[in-house]
Amino acid sequence: MNPEEGDPRRTIRCQGAIVKEDRILLIQHREHGSGRSYWLFPGGGQDEGETEEQCVQREMQEETGLTVRVERLLLDMPMPPGGAYQRHHTYLCTPLSGEARPGYEPEVEAAQSYSIVGVK
């Protein structure tokens, strides 16, 4: 599984965007095997019974340490065929508490592939 794709059973990747002074918060993944790193929005797939907004709140807490309020959907973007996710839904978020820091990947299979090493 490609660590950027998430759980192949999920069709929508829900992700959060915090925009402050024309800057956007991103997290940095580093692959264990290759050492390759890349930046992306915090996010992932929904857990059973979870709304998209709840998913964004959980993912932001896990991956950045921030508690957020989800304001609105910013972008609904189709993804190329063959990936784990068919769409990316990006939500505008407002931080409520916490301090941005590299979080963790709770899914064991994904955590074996990469770590979250930066938040900027």
PDB file of N, CA and C in Angstrom:
ATOM      1  N   MET A   1       0.850  -1.188   0.000  1.00  0.00           N
ATOM      2  CA  MET A   1       0.000   0.000   0.000  1.00  0.00           C
ATOM      3  C   MET A   1       0.887   1.240   0.000  1.00  0.00           C
ATOM      4  N   ASN A   2       0.583   2.200  -0.823  1.00  0.00           N
ATOM      5  CA  ASN A   2       1.273   3.477  -0.852  1.00  0.00           C
ATOM      6  C   ASN A   2       0.837   4.273   0.369  1.00  0.00           C
ATOM      7  N   PRO A   3       1.769   4.769   1.210  1.00  0.00           N
ATOM      8  CA  PRO A   3       1.372   5.456   2.434  1.00  0.00           C
ATOM      9  C   PRO A   3       0.565   6.722   2.197  1.00  0.00           C
ATOM     10  N   GLU A   4       0.659   7.314   1.021  1.00  0.00           N
ATOM     11  CA  GLU A   4      -0.119   8.507   0.739  1.00  0.00           C
ATOM     12  C   GLU A   4      -1.578   8.171   0.460  1.00  0.00           C
ATOM     13  N   GLU A   5      -1.876   6.924   0.156  1.00  0.00           N
ATOM     14  CA  GLU A   5      -3.221   6.544  -0.277  1.00  0.00           C
ATOM     15  C   GLU A   5      -4.141   6.148   0.856  1.00  0.00           C
ATOM     16  N   GLY A   6      -3.620   5.672   1.978  1.00  0.00           N
ATOM     17  CA  GLY A   6      -4.472   5.270   3.085  1.00  0.00           C
ATOM     18  C   GLY A   6      -5.091   3.906   2.869  1.00  0.00           C
ATOM     19  N   ASP A   7      -6.147   3.605   3.596  1.00  0.00           N
ATOM     20  CA  ASP A   7      -6.839   2.321   3.571  1.00  0.00           C
ATOM     21  C   ASP A   7      -7.565   2.162   2.239  1.00  0.00           C
ATOM     22  N   PRO A   8      -7.266   1.096   1.481  1.00  0.00           N
ATOM     23  CA  PRO A   8      -7.882   0.930   0.172  1.00  0.00           C
ATOM     24  C   PRO A   8      -9.398   0.738   0.212  1.00  0.00           C
ATOM     25  N   ARG A   9      -9.982   0.458   1.361  1.00  0.00           N
ATOM     26  CA  ARG A   9     -11.434   0.303   1.458  1.00  0.00           C
ATOM     27  C   ARG A   9     -12.138   1.651   1.544  1.00  0.00           C
ATOM     28  N   ARG A  10     -11.400   2.713   1.741  1.00  0.00           N
ATOM     29  CA  ARG A  10     -11.982   4.040   1.884  1.00  0.00           C
ATOM     30  C   ARG A  10     -11.960   4.757   0.547  1.00  0.00           C
ATOM     31  N   THR A  11     -12.995   5.532   0.264  1.00  0.00           N
ATOM     32  CA  THR A  11     -13.069   6.187  -1.041  1.00  0.00           C
ATOM     33  C   THR A  11     -12.781   7.686  -0.987  1.00  0.00           C
ATOM     34  N   ILE A  12     -12.963   8.319   0.184  1.00  0.00           N
ATOM     35  CA  ILE A  12     -12.733   9.755   0.312  1.00  0.00           C
ATOM     36  C   ILE A  12     -11.692  10.008   1.390  1.00  0.00           C
ATOM     37  N   ARG A  13     -10.668  10.780   1.041  1.00  0.00           N
ATOM     38  CA  ARG A  13      -9.679  11.228   2.029  1.00  0.00           C
ATOM     39  C   ARG A  13     -10.142  12.580   2.531  1.00  0.00           C
ATOM     40  N   CYS A  14     -10.425  12.659   3.837  1.00  0.00           N
ATOM     41  CA  CYS A  14     -10.869  13.905   4.460  1.00  0.00           C
ATOM     42  C   CYS A  14      -9.656  14.575   5.078  1.00  0.00           C
ATOM     43  N   GLN A  15      -9.410  15.829   4.705  1.00  0.00           N
ATOM     44  CA  GLN A  15      -8.209  16.499   5.182  1.00  0.00           C
ATOM     45  C   GLN A  15      -8.534  17.917   5.616  1.00  0.00           C
ATOM     46  N   GLY A  16      -7.694  18.433   6.511  1.00  0.00           N
ATOM     47  CA  GLY A  16      -7.917  19.761   7.062  1.00  0.00           C
ATOM     48  C   GLY A  16      -6.888  20.759   6.595  1.00  0.00           C
ATOM     49  N   ALA A  17      -7.337  21.991   6.361  1.00  0.00           N
ATOM     50  CA  ALA A  17      -6.458  23.090   5.972  1.00  0.00           C
ATOM     51  C   ALA A  17      -6.618  24.218   6.982  1.00  0.00           C
ATOM     52  N   ILE A  18      -5.510  24.590   7.605  1.00  0.00           N
ATOM     53  CA  ILE A  18      -5.476  25.759   8.473  1.00  0.00           C
ATOM     54  C   ILE A  18      -4.711  26.824   7.709  1.00  0.00           C
ATOM     55  N   VAL A  19      -5.379  27.948   7.463  1.00  0.00           N
ATOM     56  CA  VAL A  19      -4.771  29.043   6.706  1.00  0.00           C
ATOM     57  C   VAL A  19      -4.606  30.226   7.656  1.00  0.00           C
ATOM     58  N   LYS A  20      -3.359  30.718   7.747  1.00  0.00           N
ATOM     59  CA  LYS A  20      -3.078  31.859   8.612  1.00  0.00           C
ATOM     60  C   LYS A  20      -2.057  32.739   7.921  1.00  0.00           C
ATOM     61  N   GLU A  21      -2.412  34.002   7.710  1.00  0.00           N
ATOM     62  CA  GLU A  21      -1.509  34.967   7.072  1.00  0.00           C
ATOM     63  C   GLU A  21      -0.933  34.419   5.768  1.00  0.00           C
ATOM     64  N   ASP A  22      -1.795  33.933   4.905  1.00  0.00           N
ATOM     65  CA  ASP A  22      -1.412  33.405   3.591  1.00  0.00           C
ATOM     66  C   ASP A  22      -0.485  32.194   3.667  1.00  0.00           C
ATOM     67  N   ARG A  23      -0.497  31.481   4.780  1.00  0.00           N
ATOM     68  CA  ARG A  23       0.296  30.260   4.938  1.00  0.00           C
ATOM     69  C   ARG A  23      -0.645  29.115   5.277  1.00  0.00           C
ATOM     70  N   ILE A  24      -0.288  27.918   4.830  1.00  0.00           N
ATOM     71  CA  ILE A  24      -1.117  26.725   5.051  1.00  0.00           C
ATOM     72  C   ILE A  24      -0.317  25.710   5.854  1.00  0.00           C
ATOM     73  N   LEU A  25      -0.934  25.139   6.893  1.00  0.00           N
ATOM     74  CA  LEU A  25      -0.278  24.128   7.710  1.00  0.00           C
ATOM     75  C   LEU A  25      -0.237  22.796   6.961  1.00  0.00           C
ATOM     76  N   LEU A  26       0.935  22.189   6.916  1.00  0.00           N
ATOM     77  CA  LEU A  26       1.130  20.876   6.302  1.00  0.00           C
ATOM     78  C   LEU A  26       1.903  19.986   7.261  1.00  0.00           C
ATOM     79  N   ILE A  27       1.807  18.663   7.040  1.00  0.00           N
ATOM     80  CA  ILE A  27       2.628  17.717   7.791  1.00  0.00           C
ATOM     81  C   ILE A  27       3.629  17.072   6.837  1.00  0.00           C
ATOM     82  N   GLN A  28       4.750  16.621   7.395  1.00  0.00           N
ATOM     83  CA  GLN A  28       5.789  15.972   6.596  1.00  0.00           C
ATOM     84  C   GLN A  28       5.852  14.492   6.955  1.00  0.00           C
ATOM     85  N   HIS A  29       5.715  13.650   5.936  1.00  0.00           N
ATOM     86  CA  HIS A  29       5.896  12.204   6.090  1.00  0.00           C
ATOM     87  C   HIS A  29       7.317  11.847   5.650  1.00  0.00           C
ATOM     88  N   ARG A  30       7.929  10.888   6.338  1.00  0.00           N
ATOM     89  CA  ARG A  30       9.210  10.344   5.896  1.00  0.00           C
ATOM     90  C   ARG A  30       9.073   8.822   5.830  1.00  0.00           C
ATOM     91  N   GLU A  31       9.354   8.269   4.648  1.00  0.00           N
ATOM     92  CA  GLU A  31       9.288   6.826   4.451  1.00  0.00           C
ATOM     93  C   GLU A  31      10.475   6.166   5.148  1.00  0.00           C
ATOM     94  N   HIS A  32      10.204   5.085   5.873  1.00  0.00           N
ATOM     95  CA  HIS A  32      11.253   4.386   6.609  1.00  0.00           C
ATOM     96  C   HIS A  32      12.270   3.742   5.675  1.00  0.00           C
ATOM     97  N   GLY A  33      11.809   3.076   4.638  1.00  0.00           N
ATOM     98  CA  GLY A  33      12.707   2.337   3.760  1.00  0.00           C
ATOM     99  C   GLY A  33      13.616   3.209   2.918  1.00  0.00           C
ATOM    100  N   SER A  34      13.042   4.208   2.258  1.00  0.00           N
ATOM    101  CA  SER A  34      13.804   5.015   1.303  1.00  0.00           C
ATOM    102  C   SER A  34      14.337   6.318   1.885  1.00  0.00           C
ATOM    103  N   GLY A  35      13.749   6.782   2.978  1.00  0.00           N
ATOM    104  CA  GLY A  35      14.125   8.075   3.531  1.00  0.00           C
ATOM    105  C   GLY A  35      13.467   9.242   2.807  1.00  0.00           C
ATOM    106  N   ARG A  36      12.691   8.939   1.756  1.00  0.00           N
ATOM    107  CA  ARG A  36      11.999   9.985   0.993  1.00  0.00           C
ATOM    108  C   ARG A  36      10.996  10.692   1.899  1.00  0.00           C
ATOM    109  N   SER A  37      10.917  12.012   1.749  1.00  0.00           N
ATOM    110  CA  SER A  37       9.925  12.748   2.524  1.00  0.00           C
ATOM    111  C   SER A  37       9.092  13.618   1.596  1.00  0.00           C
ATOM    112  N   TYR A  38       7.900  13.959   2.059  1.00  0.00           N
ATOM    113  CA  TYR A  38       6.965  14.756   1.288  1.00  0.00           C
ATOM    114  C   TYR A  38       6.010  15.440   2.253  1.00  0.00           C
ATOM    115  N   TRP A  39       5.393  16.540   1.797  1.00  0.00           N
ATOM    116  CA  TRP A  39       4.471  17.338   2.605  1.00  0.00           C
ATOM    117  C   TRP A  39       3.049  17.156   2.090  1.00  0.00           C
ATOM    118  N   LEU A  40       2.082  17.148   2.999  1.00  0.00           N
ATOM    119  CA  LEU A  40       0.683  17.017   2.622  1.00  0.00           C
ATOM    120  C   LEU A  40      -0.221  17.561   3.716  1.00  0.00           C
ATOM    121  N   PHE A  41      -1.498  17.714   3.392  1.00  0.00           N
ATOM    122  CA  PHE A  41      -2.480  18.118   4.389  1.00  0.00           C
ATOM    123  C   PHE A  41      -2.676  16.984   5.391  1.00  0.00           C
ATOM    124  N   PRO A  42      -2.878  17.304   6.672  1.00  0.00           N
ATOM    125  CA  PRO A  42      -3.259  16.267   7.632  1.00  0.00           C
ATOM    126  C   PRO A  42      -4.617  15.697   7.232  1.00  0.00           C
ATOM    127  N   GLY A  43      -4.757  14.395   7.296  1.00  0.00           N
ATOM    128  CA  GLY A  43      -6.038  13.801   6.957  1.00  0.00           C
ATOM    129  C   GLY A  43      -5.953  12.310   6.764  1.00  0.00           C
ATOM    130  N   GLY A  44      -7.086  11.712   6.400  1.00  0.00           N
ATOM    131  CA  GLY A  44      -7.156  10.276   6.169  1.00  0.00           C
ATOM    132  C   GLY A  44      -8.588   9.855   5.930  1.00  0.00           C
ATOM    133  N   GLY A  45      -8.819   8.572   6.062  1.00  0.00           N
ATOM    134  CA  GLY A  45     -10.140   8.009   5.817  1.00  0.00           C
ATOM    135  C   GLY A  45     -11.006   7.993   7.055  1.00  0.00           C
ATOM    136  N   GLN A  46     -12.313   7.984   6.820  1.00  0.00           N
ATOM    137  CA  GLN A  46     -13.288   7.963   7.904  1.00  0.00           C
ATOM    138  C   GLN A  46     -13.319   6.611   8.592  1.00  0.00           C
ATOM    139  N   ASP A  47     -13.493   6.649   9.908  1.00  0.00           N
ATOM    140  CA  ASP A  47     -13.778   5.445  10.671  1.00  0.00           C
ATOM    141  C   ASP A  47     -15.275   5.166  10.567  1.00  0.00           C
ATOM    142  N   GLU A  48     -15.668   3.936  10.846  1.00  0.00           N
ATOM    143  CA  GLU A  48     -17.080   3.561  10.776  1.00  0.00           C
ATOM    144  C   GLU A  48     -17.915   4.449  11.689  1.00  0.00           C
ATOM    145  N   GLY A  49     -19.023   4.977  11.160  1.00  0.00           N
ATOM    146  CA  GLY A  49     -19.940   5.802  11.930  1.00  0.00           C
ATOM    147  C   GLY A  49     -19.493   7.244  12.107  1.00  0.00           C
ATOM    148  N   GLU A  50     -18.396   7.629  11.503  1.00  0.00           N
ATOM    149  CA  GLU A  50     -17.823   8.961  11.664  1.00  0.00           C
ATOM    150  C   GLU A  50     -18.241   9.859  10.497  1.00  0.00           C
ATOM    151  N   THR A  51     -18.617  11.114  10.782  1.00  0.00           N
ATOM    152  CA  THR A  51     -18.889  12.068   9.714  1.00  0.00           C
ATOM    153  C   THR A  51     -17.553  12.564   9.151  1.00  0.00           C
ATOM    154  N   GLU A  52     -17.600  13.208   8.004  1.00  0.00           N
ATOM    155  CA  GLU A  52     -16.371  13.768   7.438  1.00  0.00           C
ATOM    156  C   GLU A  52     -15.768  14.807   8.381  1.00  0.00           C
ATOM    157  N   GLU A  53     -16.600  15.638   8.986  1.00  0.00           N
ATOM    158  CA  GLU A  53     -16.105  16.659   9.901  1.00  0.00           C
ATOM    159  C   GLU A  53     -15.441  16.029  11.120  1.00  0.00           C
ATOM    160  N   GLN A  54     -16.028  14.975  11.677  1.00  0.00           N
ATOM    161  CA  GLN A  54     -15.433  14.271  12.809  1.00  0.00           C
ATOM    162  C   GLN A  54     -14.105  13.637  12.411  1.00  0.00           C
ATOM    163  N   CYS A  55     -14.039  13.111  11.202  1.00  0.00           N
ATOM    164  CA  CYS A  55     -12.807  12.528  10.690  1.00  0.00           C
ATOM    165  C   CYS A  55     -11.706  13.587  10.638  1.00  0.00           C
ATOM    166  N   VAL A  56     -12.019  14.754  10.098  1.00  0.00           N
ATOM    167  CA  VAL A  56     -11.026  15.834  10.012  1.00  0.00           C
ATOM    168  C   VAL A  56     -10.551  16.227  11.411  1.00  0.00           C
ATOM    169  N   GLN A  57     -11.474  16.367  12.345  1.00  0.00           N
ATOM    170  CA  GLN A  57     -11.094  16.731  13.715  1.00  0.00           C
ATOM    171  C   GLN A  57     -10.168  15.673  14.326  1.00  0.00           C
ATOM    172  N   ARG A  58     -10.499  14.405  14.161  1.00  0.00           N
ATOM    173  CA  ARG A  58      -9.671  13.318  14.707  1.00  0.00           C
ATOM    174  C   ARG A  58      -8.295  13.307  14.054  1.00  0.00           C
ATOM    175  N   GLU A  59      -8.271  13.389  12.731  1.00  0.00           N
ATOM    176  CA  GLU A  59      -6.997  13.344  12.011  1.00  0.00           C
ATOM    177  C   GLU A  59      -6.107  14.532  12.381  1.00  0.00           C
ATOM    178  N   MET A  60      -6.692  15.720  12.507  1.00  0.00           N
ATOM    179  CA  MET A  60      -5.906  16.894  12.894  1.00  0.00           C
ATOM    180  C   MET A  60      -5.316  16.702  14.290  1.00  0.00           C
ATOM    181  N   GLN A  61      -6.096  16.154  15.213  1.00  0.00           N
ATOM    182  CA  GLN A  61      -5.605  15.909  16.576  1.00  0.00           C
ATOM    183  C   GLN A  61      -4.469  14.885  16.558  1.00  0.00           C
ATOM    184  N   GLU A  62      -4.664  13.770  15.861  1.00  0.00           N
ATOM    185  CA  GLU A  62      -3.648  12.719  15.808  1.00  0.00           C
ATOM    186  C   GLU A  62      -2.361  13.194  15.139  1.00  0.00           C
ATOM    187  N   GLU A  63      -2.492  13.903  14.030  1.00  0.00           N
ATOM    188  CA  GLU A  63      -1.334  14.196  13.196  1.00  0.00           C
ATOM    189  C   GLU A  63      -0.651  15.524  13.505  1.00  0.00           C
ATOM    190  N   THR A  64      -1.356  16.448  14.198  1.00  0.00           N
ATOM    191  CA  THR A  64      -0.748  17.754  14.495  1.00  0.00           C
ATOM    192  C   THR A  64      -0.828  18.154  15.958  1.00  0.00           C
ATOM    193  N   GLY A  65      -1.640  17.457  16.764  1.00  0.00           N
ATOM    194  CA  GLY A  65      -1.835  17.838  18.157  1.00  0.00           C
ATOM    195  C   GLY A  65      -2.813  18.986  18.353  1.00  0.00           C
ATOM    196  N   LEU A  66      -3.455  19.432  17.289  1.00  0.00           N
ATOM    197  CA  LEU A  66      -4.373  20.566  17.367  1.00  0.00           C
ATOM    198  C   LEU A  66      -5.833  20.108  17.446  1.00  0.00           C
ATOM    199  N   THR A  67      -6.580  20.766  18.302  1.00  0.00           N
ATOM    200  CA  THR A  67      -8.032  20.617  18.321  1.00  0.00           C
ATOM    201  C   THR A  67      -8.575  21.720  17.420  1.00  0.00           C
ATOM    202  N   VAL A  68      -9.436  21.344  16.472  1.00  0.00           N
ATOM    203  CA  VAL A  68      -9.912  22.316  15.481  1.00  0.00           C
ATOM    204  C   VAL A  68     -11.426  22.328  15.397  1.00  0.00           C
ATOM    205  N   ARG A  69     -11.933  23.435  14.891  1.00  0.00           N
ATOM    206  CA  ARG A  69     -13.332  23.545  14.489  1.00  0.00           C
ATOM    207  C   ARG A  69     -13.331  23.474  12.964  1.00  0.00           C
ATOM    208  N   VAL A  70     -14.157  22.626  12.418  1.00  0.00           N
ATOM    209  CA  VAL A  70     -14.275  22.515  10.965  1.00  0.00           C
ATOM    210  C   VAL A  70     -15.273  23.560  10.501  1.00  0.00           C
ATOM    211  N   GLU A  71     -14.815  24.454   9.623  1.00  0.00           N
ATOM    212  CA  GLU A  71     -15.648  25.571   9.177  1.00  0.00           C
ATOM    213  C   GLU A  71     -16.503  25.208   7.966  1.00  0.00           C
ATOM    214  N   ARG A  72     -15.841  24.732   6.894  1.00  0.00           N
ATOM    215  CA  ARG A  72     -16.592  24.446   5.669  1.00  0.00           C
ATOM    216  C   ARG A  72     -15.708  23.676   4.696  1.00  0.00           C
ATOM    217  N   LEU A  73     -16.355  23.037   3.741  1.00  0.00           N
ATOM    218  CA  LEU A  73     -15.652  22.335   2.677  1.00  0.00           C
ATOM    219  C   LEU A  73     -15.044  23.362   1.728  1.00  0.00           C
ATOM    220  N   LEU A  74     -13.735  23.260   1.508  1.00  0.00           N
ATOM    221  CA  LEU A  74     -13.038  24.163   0.586  1.00  0.00           C
ATOM    222  C   LEU A  74     -12.916  23.568  -0.804  1.00  0.00           C
ATOM    223  N   LEU A  75     -12.649  22.272  -0.869  1.00  0.00           N
ATOM    224  CA  LEU A  75     -12.309  21.652  -2.147  1.00  0.00           C
ATOM    225  C   LEU A  75     -12.756  20.198  -2.163  1.00  0.00           C
ATOM    226  N   ASP A  76     -13.412  19.811  -3.233  1.00  0.00           N
ATOM    227  CA  ASP A  76     -13.780  18.422  -3.494  1.00  0.00           C
ATOM    228  C   ASP A  76     -13.057  18.060  -4.781  1.00  0.00           C
ATOM    229  N   MET A  77     -11.977  17.285  -4.651  1.00  0.00           N
ATOM    230  CA  MET A  77     -11.107  17.036  -5.793  1.00  0.00           C
ATOM    231  C   MET A  77     -11.089  15.557  -6.169  1.00  0.00           C
ATOM    232  N   PRO A  78     -11.442  15.235  -7.422  1.00  0.00           N
ATOM    233  CA  PRO A  78     -11.345  13.842  -7.868  1.00  0.00           C
ATOM    234  C   PRO A  78      -9.875  13.439  -7.991  1.00  0.00           C
ATOM    235  N   MET A  79      -9.593  12.179  -7.709  1.00  0.00           N
ATOM    236  CA  MET A  79      -8.234  11.658  -7.795  1.00  0.00           C
ATOM    237  C   MET A  79      -8.118  10.740  -9.016  1.00  0.00           C
ATOM    238  N   PRO A  80      -6.903  10.551  -9.507  1.00  0.00           N
ATOM    239  CA  PRO A  80      -6.720   9.662 -10.663  1.00  0.00           C
ATOM    240  C   PRO A  80      -7.154   8.230 -10.336  1.00  0.00           C
ATOM    241  N   PRO A  81      -7.660   7.501 -11.318  1.00  0.00           N
ATOM    242  CA  PRO A  81      -8.066   6.105 -11.097  1.00  0.00           C
ATOM    243  C   PRO A  81      -6.891   5.252 -10.629  1.00  0.00           C
ATOM    244  N   GLY A  82      -7.209   4.244  -9.829  1.00  0.00           N
ATOM    245  CA  GLY A  82      -6.200   3.289  -9.397  1.00  0.00           C
ATOM    246  C   GLY A  82      -5.644   3.542  -8.018  1.00  0.00           C
ATOM    247  N   GLY A  83      -5.888   4.711  -7.454  1.00  0.00           N
ATOM    248  CA  GLY A  83      -5.423   5.000  -6.098  1.00  0.00           C
ATOM    249  C   GLY A  83      -6.402   4.483  -5.069  1.00  0.00           C
ATOM    250  N   ALA A  84      -6.032   4.589  -3.814  1.00  0.00           N
ATOM    251  CA  ALA A  84      -6.895   4.119  -2.740  1.00  0.00           C
ATOM    252  C   ALA A  84      -8.104   5.035  -2.548  1.00  0.00           C
ATOM    253  N   TYR A  85      -7.933   6.314  -2.812  1.00  0.00           N
ATOM    254  CA  TYR A  85      -9.017   7.271  -2.634  1.00  0.00           C
ATOM    255  C   TYR A  85      -9.507   7.762  -3.991  1.00  0.00           C
ATOM    256  N   GLN A  86     -10.820   7.866  -4.124  1.00  0.00           N
ATOM    257  CA  GLN A  86     -11.411   8.383  -5.358  1.00  0.00           C
ATOM    258  C   GLN A  86     -11.525   9.909  -5.332  1.00  0.00           C
ATOM    259  N   ARG A  87     -11.609  10.473  -4.115  1.00  0.00           N
ATOM    260  CA  ARG A  87     -11.747  11.921  -3.961  1.00  0.00           C
ATOM    261  C   ARG A  87     -10.983  12.380  -2.726  1.00  0.00           C
ATOM    262  N   HIS A  88     -10.571  13.643  -2.745  1.00  0.00           N
ATOM    263  CA  HIS A  88     -10.033  14.323  -1.564  1.00  0.00           C
ATOM    264  C   HIS A  88     -10.989  15.454  -1.218  1.00  0.00           C
ATOM    265  N   HIS A  89     -11.466  15.473   0.026  1.00  0.00           N
ATOM    266  CA  HIS A  89     -12.292  16.564   0.522  1.00  0.00           C
ATOM    267  C   HIS A  89     -11.437  17.365   1.493  1.00  0.00           C
ATOM    268  N   THR A  90     -11.191  18.625   1.173  1.00  0.00           N
ATOM    269  CA  THR A  90     -10.359  19.491   2.016  1.00  0.00           C
ATOM    270  C   THR A  90     -11.255  20.501   2.714  1.00  0.00           C
ATOM    271  N   TYR A  91     -11.172  20.518   4.057  1.00  0.00           N
ATOM    272  CA  TYR A  91     -12.012  21.384   4.878  1.00  0.00           C
ATOM    273  C   TYR A  91     -11.176  22.490   5.513  1.00  0.00           C
ATOM    274  N   LEU A  92     -11.714  23.708   5.510  1.00  0.00           N
ATOM    275  CA  LEU A  92     -11.109  24.823   6.213  1.00  0.00           C
ATOM    276  C   LEU A  92     -11.321  24.614   7.709  1.00  0.00           C
ATOM    277  N   CYS A  93     -10.244  24.739   8.486  1.00  0.00           N
ATOM    278  CA  CYS A  93     -10.306  24.512   9.932  1.00  0.00           C
ATOM    279  C   CYS A  93      -9.762  25.719  10.689  1.00  0.00           C
ATOM    280  N   THR A  94     -10.297  25.941  11.892  1.00  0.00           N
ATOM    281  CA  THR A  94      -9.798  26.961  12.803  1.00  0.00           C
ATOM    282  C   THR A  94      -9.253  26.254  14.032  1.00  0.00           C
ATOM    283  N   PRO A  95      -7.983  26.509  14.396  1.00  0.00           N
ATOM    284  CA  PRO A  95      -7.442  25.877  15.597  1.00  0.00           C
ATOM    285  C   PRO A  95      -8.121  26.439  16.851  1.00  0.00           C
ATOM    286  N   LEU A  96      -8.481  25.545  17.779  1.00  0.00           N
ATOM    287  CA  LEU A  96      -9.108  25.943  19.038  1.00  0.00           C
ATOM    288  C   LEU A  96      -8.146  25.817  20.204  1.00  0.00           C
ATOM    289  N   SER A  97      -7.319  24.764  20.193  1.00  0.00           N
ATOM    290  CA  SER A  97      -6.360  24.566  21.276  1.00  0.00           C
ATOM    291  C   SER A  97      -5.244  23.646  20.806  1.00  0.00           C
ATOM    292  N   GLY A  98      -4.173  23.640  21.592  1.00  0.00           N
ATOM    293  CA  GLY A  98      -3.023  22.806  21.288  1.00  0.00           C
ATOM    294  C   GLY A  98      -1.948  23.599  20.582  1.00  0.00           C
ATOM    295  N   GLU A  99      -0.811  22.947  20.418  1.00  0.00           N
ATOM    296  CA  GLU A  99       0.313  23.539  19.711  1.00  0.00           C
ATOM    297  C   GLU A  99       0.735  22.585  18.610  1.00  0.00           C
ATOM    298  N   ALA A 100       0.913  23.104  17.407  1.00  0.00           N
ATOM    299  CA  ALA A 100       1.243  22.249  16.263  1.00  0.00           C
ATOM    300  C   ALA A 100       2.573  21.542  16.505  1.00  0.00           C
ATOM    301  N   ARG A 101       2.542  20.207  16.350  1.00  0.00           N
ATOM    302  CA  ARG A 101       3.725  19.363  16.513  1.00  0.00           C
ATOM    303  C   ARG A 101       3.518  18.107  15.680  1.00  0.00           C
ATOM    304  N   PRO A 102       4.600  17.422  15.312  1.00  0.00           N
ATOM    305  CA  PRO A 102       4.427  16.155  14.588  1.00  0.00           C
ATOM    306  C   PRO A 102       3.670  15.158  15.448  1.00  0.00           C
ATOM    307  N   GLY A 103       2.629  14.581  14.880  1.00  0.00           N
ATOM    308  CA  GLY A 103       1.814  13.613  15.588  1.00  0.00           C
ATOM    309  C   GLY A 103       2.214  12.190  15.240  1.00  0.00           C
ATOM    310  N   TYR A 104       1.245  11.324  15.151  1.00  0.00           N
ATOM    311  CA  TYR A 104       1.503   9.899  14.935  1.00  0.00           C
ATOM    312  C   TYR A 104       0.508   9.322  13.947  1.00  0.00           C
ATOM    313  N   GLU A 105       0.858   8.184  13.419  1.00  0.00           N
ATOM    314  CA  GLU A 105      -0.014   7.426  12.519  1.00  0.00           C
ATOM    315  C   GLU A 105      -0.540   6.231  13.308  1.00  0.00           C
ATOM    316  N   PRO A 106      -1.838   6.211  13.663  1.00  0.00           N
ATOM    317  CA  PRO A 106      -2.367   5.128  14.485  1.00  0.00           C
ATOM    318  C   PRO A 106      -2.569   3.805  13.744  1.00  0.00           C
ATOM    319  N   GLU A 107      -2.638   3.841  12.412  1.00  0.00           N
ATOM    320  CA  GLU A 107      -2.851   2.602  11.660  1.00  0.00           C
ATOM    321  C   GLU A 107      -1.505   1.879  11.513  1.00  0.00           C
ATOM    322  N   VAL A 108      -1.438   0.678  12.038  1.00  0.00           N
ATOM    323  CA  VAL A 108      -0.192  -0.078  12.131  1.00  0.00           C
ATOM    324  C   VAL A 108       0.484  -0.250  10.772  1.00  0.00           C
ATOM    325  N   GLU A 109      -0.270  -0.640   9.761  1.00  0.00           N
ATOM    326  CA  GLU A 109       0.322  -0.875   8.442  1.00  0.00           C
ATOM    327  C   GLU A 109       0.961   0.393   7.887  1.00  0.00           C
ATOM    328  N   ALA A 110       0.276   1.521   8.025  1.00  0.00           N
ATOM    329  CA  ALA A 110       0.825   2.794   7.538  1.00  0.00           C
ATOM    330  C   ALA A 110       2.031   3.213   8.367  1.00  0.00           C
ATOM    331  N   ALA A 111       1.969   3.032   9.689  1.00  0.00           N
ATOM    332  CA  ALA A 111       3.076   3.422  10.569  1.00  0.00           C
ATOM    333  C   ALA A 111       4.338   2.602  10.285  1.00  0.00           C
ATOM    334  N   GLN A 112       4.188   1.411   9.727  1.00  0.00           N
ATOM    335  CA  GLN A 112       5.350   0.608   9.352  1.00  0.00           C
ATOM    336  C   GLN A 112       6.027   1.176   8.112  1.00  0.00           C
ATOM    337  N   SER A 113       5.311   1.983   7.325  1.00  0.00           N
ATOM    338  CA  SER A 113       5.843   2.552   6.092  1.00  0.00           C
ATOM    339  C   SER A 113       6.446   3.936   6.276  1.00  0.00           C
ATOM    340  N   TYR A 114       5.845   4.761   7.139  1.00  0.00           N
ATOM    341  CA  TYR A 114       6.308   6.143   7.290  1.00  0.00           C
ATOM    342  C   TYR A 114       6.020   6.666   8.685  1.00  0.00           C
ATOM    343  N   SER A 115       6.675   7.782   9.011  1.00  0.00           N
ATOM    344  CA  SER A 115       6.421   8.526  10.242  1.00  0.00           C
ATOM    345  C   SER A 115       6.099   9.966   9.898  1.00  0.00           C
ATOM    346  N   ILE A 116       5.383  10.625  10.782  1.00  0.00           N
ATOM    347  CA  ILE A 116       5.164  12.062  10.650  1.00  0.00           C
ATOM    348  C   ILE A 116       6.319  12.732  11.374  1.00  0.00           C
ATOM    349  N   VAL A 117       7.134  13.481  10.617  1.00  0.00           N
ATOM    350  CA  VAL A 117       8.359  14.045  11.193  1.00  0.00           C
ATOM    351  C   VAL A 117       8.361  15.567  11.259  1.00  0.00           C
ATOM    352  N   GLY A 118       7.356  16.205  10.675  1.00  0.00           N
ATOM    353  CA  GLY A 118       7.331  17.657  10.713  1.00  0.00           C
ATOM    354  C   GLY A 118       5.939  18.221  10.560  1.00  0.00           C
ATOM    355  N   VAL A 119       5.757  19.419  11.113  1.00  0.00           N
ATOM    356  CA  VAL A 119       4.540  20.203  10.924  1.00  0.00           C
ATOM    357  C   VAL A 119       5.007  21.625  10.691  1.00  0.00           C
ATOM    358  N   LYS A 120       4.539  22.205   9.613  1.00  0.00           N
ATOM    359  CA  LYS A 120       4.980  23.563   9.292  1.00  0.00           C
ATOM    360  C   LYS A 120       3.894  24.279   8.521  1.00  0.00           C
TER     361      LYS A 120
END
